[in-house]
Protein backbone atom coordinates (compact mmCIF):
# COMPACT_ATOMS: atom_id res chain seq x y z
CA MET A 1 0.18 0.01 0.08
CA LYS A 2 1.30 3.17 -1.05
CA ILE A 3 0.97 6.01 1.68
CA LYS A 4 1.69 10.04 0.79
CA SER A 5 1.19 12.79 3.32
CA TYR A 6 -0.07 16.28 1.78
CA PHE A 7 0.30 19.21 3.21
CA ALA A 8 -1.66 22.36 2.47
CA VAL A 9 -3.69 25.58 3.70
CA SER A 10 -6.94 23.68 4.33
CA VAL A 11 -7.91 20.15 4.36
CA GLU A 12 -10.08 20.22 1.43
CA SER A 13 -7.35 21.73 -0.78
CA ALA A 14 -5.23 18.67 0.25
CA VAL A 15 -8.01 16.25 -0.64
CA ARG A 16 -8.48 17.85 -3.92
CA GLN A 17 -4.49 17.23 -4.80
CA ALA A 18 -4.84 13.65 -3.58
CA ARG A 19 -7.86 13.12 -5.78
CA GLN A 20 -5.97 14.54 -8.96
CA GLU A 21 -2.61 12.58 -8.13
CA LEU A 22 -3.98 9.44 -6.75
CA GLY A 23 -7.40 8.97 -8.54
CA PRO A 24 -10.72 8.40 -6.46
CA GLU A 25 -9.59 5.04 -4.96
CA ALA A 26 -7.27 6.94 -2.43
CA MET A 27 -8.41 6.76 1.30
CA LEU A 28 -8.13 9.46 3.94
CA MET A 29 -6.07 7.71 6.55
CA ASN A 30 -5.45 10.75 8.83
CA SER A 31 -5.77 14.60 9.09
CA ARG A 32 -4.14 16.90 11.55
CA LYS A 33 -2.56 20.16 11.80
CA ALA A 34 0.94 20.29 10.42
CA PRO A 35 3.86 19.82 13.02
CA PRO A 36 5.86 22.77 13.62
CA GLU A 37 8.66 21.56 11.58
CA ALA A 38 6.45 20.90 8.50
CA ARG A 39 4.37 24.02 9.01
CA HIS A 40 6.28 26.01 6.06
CA LEU A 41 4.78 23.55 3.64
CA GLY A 42 1.13 23.97 4.56
CA GLU A 43 -0.98 24.58 7.73
CA TYR A 44 -2.79 20.81 7.56
CA GLU A 45 -1.07 17.33 6.90
CA VAL A 46 -3.43 14.89 5.25
CA VAL A 47 -2.39 11.39 4.89
CA PHE A 48 -3.57 9.20 2.14
CA ALA A 49 -3.40 5.57 1.11
CA CYS A 50 -3.69 3.94 -2.17
CA PRO A 51 -2.90 0.29 -3.02
CA PRO A 52 -0.26 0.14 -5.69
CA GLU A 53 -1.98 -2.73 -7.72
CA GLU A 54 -4.86 -0.49 -8.29
CA ALA A 55 -2.84 3.17 -8.77
CA ALA A 56 -2.81 3.87 -12.42
CA ALA A 57 0.74 4.93 -13.88
CA PRO A 58 1.76 8.50 -12.99
CA SER A 59 1.68 11.07 -15.85
CA GLU A 60 4.46 13.12 -16.35
CA SER A 61 2.76 16.12 -14.39
CA GLN A 62 2.08 13.91 -11.57
CA LYS A 63 5.60 12.97 -11.44
CA LEU A 64 6.36 16.66 -11.43
CA ALA A 65 3.79 17.24 -8.76
CA ARG A 66 5.80 14.71 -6.32
CA THR A 67 8.89 16.43 -6.82
CA ASP A 68 8.50 20.33 -7.41
CA SER A 69 4.92 20.98 -5.45
CA PRO A 70 5.65 22.07 -2.17
CA ALA A 71 2.21 20.73 -1.14
CA ALA A 72 3.05 17.39 -2.04
CA PHE A 73 5.21 15.72 0.34
CA ARG A 74 6.84 12.02 -0.01
CA LEU A 75 7.32 10.11 2.82
CA PRO A 76 11.08 8.66 3.43
CA ASP A 77 12.16 5.08 2.32
CA LEU A 78 11.02 2.40 4.36
CA GLY A 79 14.10 2.13 6.46
CA THR A 80 14.02 5.50 8.04
CA ASP A 81 12.98 6.88 11.22
CA ARG A 82 10.46 9.33 9.84
CA LEU A 83 8.36 6.47 8.22
CA GLY A 84 8.40 4.74 11.30
CA GLU A 85 6.82 7.44 13.19
CA GLU A 86 4.23 7.92 10.75
CA ILE A 87 3.62 4.10 10.66
CA ALA A 88 3.23 4.10 14.38
CA GLU A 89 0.93 7.28 14.54
CA LEU A 90 -1.28 5.64 11.82
CA ARG A 91 -1.54 2.49 13.94
CA ARG A 92 -2.34 4.57 17.11
CA GLN A 93 -4.87 6.38 15.17
CA VAL A 94 -6.71 2.99 13.82
CA GLU A 95 -6.60 1.75 17.29
CA ARG A 96 -8.44 4.45 18.66
CA MET A 97 -11.06 4.48 15.85
CA ALA A 98 -11.47 0.82 16.21
CA GLU A 99 -11.68 1.11 19.68
CA SER A 100 -14.32 4.00 19.51
CA PHE A 101 -16.48 2.68 16.71
CA GLY A 102 -16.01 -0.88 16.81
CA ARG A 103 -13.90 -0.79 13.62
CA ALA A 104 -11.56 1.37 11.44
CA ARG A 105 -13.37 3.69 9.55
CA THR A 106 -11.70 5.81 6.30
CA VAL A 107 -13.27 7.89 3.99
CA SER A 108 -13.03 7.58 0.16
CA CYS A 109 -11.45 11.09 -1.36
CA SER A 110 -14.20 10.90 -3.73
CA ASN A 111 -16.68 10.42 -1.22
CA LEU A 112 -16.03 13.66 0.30
CA LEU A 113 -15.43 15.70 -2.62
CA ALA A 114 -18.89 14.59 -4.20
CA SER A 115 -20.26 17.46 -1.49
CA PRO A 116 -18.56 20.87 -0.97
CA MET A 117 -20.59 21.37 2.14
CA LEU A 118 -19.57 17.85 3.73
CA VAL A 119 -15.86 18.85 2.82
CA ARG A 120 -16.57 22.22 4.77
CA ILE A 121 -17.83 20.26 7.90
CA PHE A 122 -15.18 18.03 7.63
CA SER A 123 -12.26 20.47 7.68
CA GLY A 124 -13.97 22.51 10.29
CA LEU A 125 -14.17 19.49 12.74
CA ILE A 126 -10.59 18.51 12.00
CA ALA A 127 -9.65 22.46 12.52
CA ASN A 128 -11.31 21.87 16.17
CA ASP A 129 -8.97 18.83 17.06
CA VAL A 130 -12.03 16.21 16.20
CA ASP A 131 -10.25 13.24 15.86
CA ALA A 132 -10.43 12.02 12.01
CA GLY A 133 -12.28 8.89 12.79
CA VAL A 134 -14.90 10.80 14.73
CA ALA A 135 -14.93 13.57 12.04
CA ASN A 136 -15.33 10.77 9.41
CA SER A 137 -18.11 9.10 10.95
CA ILE A 138 -20.24 12.39 11.39
CA VAL A 139 -19.66 13.52 7.61
CA SER A 140 -20.36 9.65 6.39
CA ALA A 141 -23.62 9.89 8.25
CA LEU A 142 -24.89 13.16 7.13
CA ARG A 143 -23.99 11.87 3.75
CA THR A 144 -26.44 8.86 4.19
CA ARG A 145 -29.03 11.84 4.97
CA GLY A 146 -28.76 13.31 1.33
CA ASP A 147 -26.79 15.54 -0.52
CA SER A 148 -29.13 18.56 -0.84
CA LEU A 149 -30.12 19.20 3.12
CA ARG A 150 -31.51 22.40 3.76
CA PRO A 151 -30.20 24.75 6.08
CA GLU A 152 -32.35 24.05 9.12
CA ALA A 153 -32.41 20.12 8.26
CA LEU A 154 -28.36 20.29 8.12
CA ARG A 155 -28.76 22.03 11.69
CA LEU A 156 -30.93 19.19 13.15
CA ALA A 157 -28.70 16.60 11.38
CA LEU A 158 -25.46 17.77 13.08
CA LEU A 159 -27.30 18.02 16.33
CA ASP A 160 -28.41 14.42 16.00
CA GLU A 161 -25.03 12.87 15.01
CA ILE A 162 -22.69 14.93 17.37
CA GLY A 163 -25.33 14.24 19.86
CA SER A 164 -25.24 10.56 19.61
CA LEU A 165 -21.59 10.55 19.75
CA CYS A 166 -21.23 13.06 22.63
CA PRO A 167 -24.15 12.17 24.92
CA VAL A 168 -25.16 14.50 28.02
CA GLU A 169 -26.38 13.72 31.36
CA PRO A 170 -26.26 16.82 33.47
CA ALA A 171 -27.17 15.12 36.82
CA LEU A 172 -25.82 14.49 40.21
CA GLY A 173 -26.43 11.48 42.02
CA CYS A 174 -27.16 7.70 41.10
CA ASN A 175 -31.19 7.58 42.16
CA ALA A 176 -32.44 10.00 39.45
CA GLY A 177 -33.26 12.42 41.97
CA ALA A 178 -34.99 10.33 44.68
CA GLY A 179 -33.04 9.97 48.18
CA ARG A 180 -29.87 11.66 48.92
CA ARG A 181 -27.27 12.35 46.14
CA ILE A 182 -23.37 11.42 46.67
CA VAL A 183 -21.04 12.65 44.06
CA ALA A 184 -17.32 12.19 44.24
CA LEU A 185 -14.96 14.31 42.01
CA VAL A 186 -11.97 12.63 40.77
CA GLY A 187 -9.19 13.80 38.28
CA PRO A 188 -5.60 14.70 37.80
CA PRO A 189 -3.93 17.68 39.42
CA GLY A 190 -5.06 21.00 38.32
CA ALA A 191 -8.21 19.99 36.57
CA GLY A 192 -10.16 22.20 38.77
CA LYS A 193 -12.11 19.64 41.29
CA THR A 194 -12.06 21.79 44.59
CA THR A 195 -13.61 24.82 42.56
CA THR A 196 -16.14 22.62 40.85
CA LEU A 197 -17.31 20.90 44.20
CA VAL A 198 -17.98 24.35 45.82
CA LYS A 199 -19.94 25.52 42.56
CA LEU A 200 -22.06 22.42 42.80
CA ALA A 201 -22.47 23.11 46.46
CA VAL A 202 -23.94 26.30 45.81
CA LYS A 203 -25.89 25.67 42.88
CA TYR A 204 -27.55 22.34 43.98
CA GLY A 205 -27.40 22.44 47.52
CA LEU A 206 -27.45 26.13 48.78
CA ASN A 207 -29.81 27.46 45.98
CA GLU A 208 -32.14 24.54 46.56
CA ARG A 209 -31.99 24.74 50.19
CA LYS A 210 -30.67 21.22 50.31
CA PRO A 211 -28.56 19.81 53.49
CA THR A 212 -25.05 19.38 52.08
CA GLN A 213 -21.90 18.03 53.32
CA LEU A 214 -18.46 18.43 52.24
CA LEU A 215 -16.06 15.76 52.52
CA THR A 216 -12.19 15.88 51.61
CA LEU A 217 -9.70 13.30 51.31
CA ASP A 218 -7.44 15.70 49.57
CA LEU A 219 -4.34 15.83 52.11
CA GLU A 220 -1.53 15.89 49.35
CA ARG A 221 -2.15 19.41 48.05
CA ILE A 222 -0.70 22.14 50.50
CA ALA A 223 -3.69 24.07 52.29
CA ALA A 224 -6.20 22.08 49.98
CA ALA A 225 -8.57 21.07 53.03
CA ASP A 226 -8.00 24.47 54.72
CA GLN A 227 -9.52 26.12 51.41
CA LEU A 228 -12.52 24.17 51.14
CA HIS A 229 -13.35 24.23 54.67
CA THR A 230 -13.23 28.05 54.45
CA PHE A 231 -15.65 27.87 51.46
CA ALA A 232 -18.02 25.52 53.47
CA ALA A 233 -18.08 28.03 56.64
CA ILE A 234 -18.80 30.78 54.09
CA LEU A 235 -21.81 28.59 52.64
CA GLY A 236 -22.74 27.47 56.32
CA VAL A 237 -22.44 23.71 55.09
CA GLY A 238 -20.98 20.61 57.10
CA PHE A 239 -17.32 19.90 56.29
CA GLN A 240 -14.88 17.14 57.13
CA THR A 241 -11.23 16.13 56.59
CA LEU A 242 -10.88 12.58 56.10
CA GLU A 243 -7.64 10.36 55.72
CA THR A 244 -8.78 6.60 55.17
CA THR A 245 -11.69 4.96 53.01
CA HIS A 246 -12.58 3.42 56.26
CA ALA A 247 -12.91 7.18 57.66
CA LEU A 248 -15.23 8.06 54.51
CA ALA A 249 -17.28 4.78 54.89
CA THR A 250 -18.04 6.23 58.47
CA ALA A 251 -18.65 9.57 57.28
CA LEU A 252 -21.16 8.30 54.97
CA ASP A 253 -22.97 6.50 57.23
CA GLU A 254 -23.06 9.53 59.79
CA ASN A 255 -24.42 11.81 57.43
CA LYS A 256 -27.39 10.07 56.10
CA ASN A 257 -29.64 12.82 57.04
CA LYS A 258 -27.78 15.01 54.40
CA ASP A 259 -29.73 15.32 50.98
CA LEU A 260 -26.18 16.02 49.00
CA ILE A 261 -22.76 14.75 50.11
CA LEU A 262 -19.96 15.92 48.02
CA ILE A 263 -16.73 14.16 48.29
CA ASP A 264 -13.29 16.23 47.15
CA THR A 265 -10.13 13.60 46.00
CA PRO A 266 -6.56 13.99 45.76
CA GLY A 267 -5.31 14.81 42.44
CA TYR A 268 -3.49 11.77 41.03
CA GLY A 269 -0.84 12.34 38.34
CA GLN A 270 0.66 9.73 36.30
CA LYS A 271 2.98 8.77 38.52
CA ASP A 272 0.82 8.77 41.59
CA MET A 273 -1.86 5.96 40.23
CA GLU A 274 -0.54 3.16 42.58
CA ASN A 275 -1.76 5.30 45.41
CA ALA A 276 -4.92 5.73 44.15
CA GLY A 277 -5.70 2.16 44.28
CA PRO A 278 -7.74 1.91 47.73
CA LEU A 279 -9.83 5.01 46.83
CA ALA A 280 -10.65 3.86 43.54
CA ARG A 281 -11.56 0.49 44.84
CA PHE A 282 -13.60 1.83 47.47
CA LEU A 283 -15.48 4.39 44.97
CA ALA A 284 -16.22 1.48 42.13
CA SER A 285 -17.69 -0.79 44.70
CA HIS A 286 -20.14 1.68 46.00
CA ASP A 287 -22.79 1.96 43.42
CA GLU A 288 -24.64 4.76 45.36
CA ILE A 289 -21.68 7.03 44.49
CA ASP A 290 -21.74 8.81 41.27
CA VAL A 291 -18.10 9.38 40.14
CA HIS A 292 -17.60 12.46 37.86
CA LEU A 293 -14.08 12.50 35.99
CA VAL A 294 -12.96 16.22 36.15
CA LEU A 295 -11.06 17.08 32.96
CA SER A 296 -9.31 20.18 31.73
CA ALA A 297 -10.84 21.00 28.19
CA SER A 298 -7.28 22.94 27.60
CA MET A 299 -5.53 19.62 27.65
CA LYS A 300 -3.74 18.22 24.56
CA ALA A 301 -6.00 15.58 23.15
CA ALA A 302 -3.10 12.75 23.72
CA ASP A 303 -2.46 13.77 27.21
CA LEU A 304 -6.57 13.86 27.82
CA ALA A 305 -6.90 10.13 26.31
CA GLY A 306 -4.18 9.20 28.67
CA VAL A 307 -5.85 10.78 31.70
CA VAL A 308 -9.26 9.25 30.82
CA ASP A 309 -7.64 5.62 30.24
CA ARG A 310 -5.98 5.86 33.89
CA PHE A 311 -8.68 7.05 35.74
CA SER A 312 -10.96 4.47 34.15
CA ILE A 313 -10.31 2.64 37.49
CA PHE A 314 -12.53 4.64 39.35
CA ARG A 315 -15.35 3.49 37.29
CA PRO A 316 -16.78 7.28 36.54
CA ARG A 317 -20.28 7.43 35.56
CA ARG A 318 -19.85 11.00 33.81
CA LEU A 319 -17.08 13.36 32.39
CA LEU A 320 -17.02 16.96 33.62
CA PHE A 321 -15.11 19.45 31.80
CA THR A 322 -13.48 22.41 33.13
CA ARG A 323 -11.17 25.39 31.87
CA LEU A 324 -13.22 26.23 28.64
CA ASP A 325 -11.87 29.47 28.57
CA GLU A 326 -8.47 28.70 28.30
CA THR A 327 -8.82 26.95 25.09
CA GLN A 328 -10.10 27.41 21.29
CA THR A 329 -10.47 24.04 20.48
CA PHE A 330 -13.11 21.80 21.74
CA GLY A 331 -12.50 18.56 19.69
CA PRO A 332 -10.97 16.61 22.62
CA ILE A 333 -14.67 16.83 24.50
CA LEU A 334 -16.29 14.93 21.46
CA ASN A 335 -13.08 12.59 21.06
CA GLU A 336 -13.06 10.95 24.48
CA THR A 337 -17.21 11.25 25.21
CA ALA A 338 -17.08 8.98 21.86
CA ARG A 339 -14.22 7.07 22.83
CA SER A 340 -15.20 6.35 26.67
CA GLY A 341 -18.99 6.09 26.18
CA TRP A 342 -19.48 8.26 29.41
CA PRO A 343 -21.78 11.44 28.76
CA VAL A 344 -20.91 14.78 29.69
CA SER A 345 -22.08 16.19 32.94
CA PHE A 346 -21.33 19.77 33.60
CA LEU A 347 -19.24 22.35 31.90
CA CYS A 348 -17.14 25.22 33.84
CA SER A 349 -15.74 28.04 32.14
CA GLY A 350 -14.10 30.35 34.83
CA GLN A 351 -13.74 30.72 38.65
CA GLN A 352 -16.97 32.64 39.39
CA ILE A 353 -19.08 30.54 41.87
CA PRO A 354 -21.31 29.24 40.82
CA GLU A 355 -22.13 31.39 37.66
CA ASP A 356 -19.14 29.73 35.48
CA LEU A 357 -20.90 26.13 36.33
CA GLU A 358 -23.47 25.06 33.81
CA PRO A 359 -25.53 21.62 32.78
CA ALA A 360 -24.16 20.30 29.49
CA THR A 361 -26.65 20.34 26.73
CA ARG A 362 -26.36 18.93 23.28
CA GLU A 363 -27.18 22.23 21.74
CA ARG A 364 -24.12 23.88 23.73
CA LEU A 365 -21.74 21.04 22.64
CA VAL A 366 -22.50 21.38 19.06
CA SER A 367 -22.29 25.16 19.14
CA LEU A 368 -18.45 24.66 20.71
CA LEU A 369 -17.67 21.86 18.17
CA VAL A 370 -18.88 23.49 15.13
CA GLY A 371 -19.73 27.20 16.10
CA GLU A 372 -20.43 29.36 13.43
CA LEU A 373 -19.93 26.37 10.82
CA VAL A 374 -23.58 25.30 10.83
CA GLY A 375 -24.55 28.78 9.56
CA GLY A 376 -21.78 28.80 7.29
CA ALA A 377 -22.24 25.37 6.14
CA ALA A 378 -26.11 25.53 5.79
CA ALA A 379 -26.00 28.85 3.82
CA ALA A 380 -23.26 27.13 1.32
CA ALA A 381 -25.88 24.19 1.05
CA ALA A 382 -29.03 26.89 0.56
């Protein structure tokens, strides 16, 4: 199989070049922003594959394009490190796609170019750091709905397709609103667990006049317990510092009369996960505890995926994203929700309590992921 990278100012430009050179049988394997060392060749790098036995003999103009065009970058020979890195990256992409959707997905170059509207949507998703496999899935699903979607139908179709991959569940507790609600926030250091916990206490405890108890096991971060204690005193809610899971079990039993119990936990980094075992086993074995994995939306996609994988030992029910105000690309939210199958519960976009906490909605996520692209693509389709 022949693998080739194209660099261009936009994804659609690279797709157009590939179709001209490789023909409609070319398969889109990966799309991403170009690495810094290759940024002078173009803003985006798009990788295509084409079976050599099906490829036609290249014309003279195509041979010139391979050597003279700055947008067409030939991968090195098989023995080089560069090709090994490319193949390893492609393998990781395929594995992530297969894990998310049950099988690897590729999109035919001719399939994309059949509709400029779909190319526009695909390009916008890639620019927002949406994984190529997820973007392909959305575009393929839109294509099955027909090539002449009207603006309103397009908007609703995008809502449906993105909503199916990125479900929302803005709820606290495991009892669907009945009885007391016990919520634990877990996540890496700096994700914003403590501030988010206070926002939840105000919005769903104080504002709803529900007896609330704050519990913390975060004894690692300097003054973390003191900070939460201060917030609890200001809010007039109960507070306890706990050192062990046994103490946590006792505290839950002692606070049976509280309608809302919020549990703050230590921030576990990659090197600290061995210490997370006892708490992870405790939370995973108590079905009445609603575990939310708190993640920073500003993290790089690969780092975010690693965090989600590491914290799966806590068996979280939902994902909660913070720091939306610190990033311009929100594709990793869709990527990890689609990959993990865990719905998004809440979104945080600042430090104001509780104003910067909002329940996740499908419309809000679609707005973050495609923004004005919906209107722009819809206008182009009209």
